[in-house]
């Protein structure tokens, strides 16, 4: 595991104005298959929350 990013593939830089998050210079950006799996999981959670909040009539 990368000591710089801890396996997240993201590194945050603190500045005077705020925080800048970039891809890890050692590991590079998140691989596409991991990004796609995370997005599918997020979409599923959002759909479940919409069903719960809207009474099951979410489109």
Protein backbone atom coordinates (compact mmCIF):
# COMPACT_ATOMS: atom_id res chain seq x y z
CA UNK A 1 0.00 0.00 0.00
CA UNK A 2 1.23 3.47 -0.86
CA UNK A 3 2.46 5.49 2.11
CA UNK A 4 1.50 8.77 0.47
CA UNK A 5 -2.19 8.12 -0.24
CA UNK A 6 -2.89 5.02 1.86
CA UNK A 7 -4.44 3.20 -1.09
CA UNK A 8 -7.09 5.85 -1.84
CA UNK A 9 -5.33 7.10 -5.00
CA UNK A 10 -6.01 10.67 -3.79
CA UNK A 11 -3.73 13.20 -2.10
CA UNK A 12 -4.98 16.42 -0.51
CA UNK A 13 -2.86 19.54 -0.50
CA UNK A 14 -3.67 22.25 2.04
CA UNK A 15 -3.34 25.82 0.83
CA UNK A 16 -4.12 29.31 2.06
CA UNK A 17 -7.47 29.37 0.23
CA UNK A 18 -8.60 25.79 0.77
CA UNK A 19 -7.91 22.17 -0.01
CA UNK A 20 -6.91 20.72 -3.37
CA UNK A 21 -7.39 17.00 -4.01
CA UNK A 22 -5.39 15.39 -6.82
CA UNK A 23 -4.49 11.91 -8.01
CA UNK A 24 -1.60 10.31 -6.14
CA UNK A 25 1.68 10.92 -7.98
CA UNK A 26 2.89 7.43 -7.01
CA UNK A 27 -0.24 5.32 -7.67
CA UNK A 28 -1.94 7.43 -10.31
CA UNK A 29 -5.72 7.83 -10.64
CA UNK A 30 -8.23 5.23 -9.49
CA UNK A 31 -8.46 2.32 -11.99
CA UNK A 32 -11.60 2.43 -14.14
CA UNK A 33 -13.01 -0.91 -12.89
CA UNK A 34 -12.83 0.30 -9.26
CA UNK A 35 -14.35 3.68 -10.17
CA UNK A 36 -17.20 1.95 -12.02
CA UNK A 37 -17.91 -0.43 -9.10
CA UNK A 38 -17.98 2.46 -6.61
CA UNK A 39 -20.33 4.45 -8.87
CA UNK A 40 -22.70 1.48 -9.25
CA UNK A 41 -22.80 1.05 -5.47
CA UNK A 42 -23.49 4.77 -4.99
CA UNK A 43 -26.27 4.71 -7.62
CA UNK A 44 -27.85 1.71 -5.87
CA UNK A 45 -27.76 3.48 -2.49
CA UNK A 46 -29.31 6.62 -4.00
CA UNK A 47 -32.09 4.59 -5.63
CA UNK A 48 -32.84 2.84 -2.32
CA UNK A 49 -32.94 6.17 -0.48
CA UNK A 50 -35.28 7.65 -3.10
CA UNK A 51 -37.63 4.68 -2.75
CA UNK A 52 -37.60 5.03 1.01
CA UNK A 53 -38.24 8.78 0.95
CA UNK A 54 -40.78 8.80 -1.87
CA UNK A 55 -42.74 5.76 -0.73
CA UNK A 56 -41.56 3.34 -3.40
CA UNK A 57 -42.71 5.44 -6.37
CA UNK A 58 -39.23 6.62 -7.38
CA UNK A 59 -38.62 6.66 -11.11
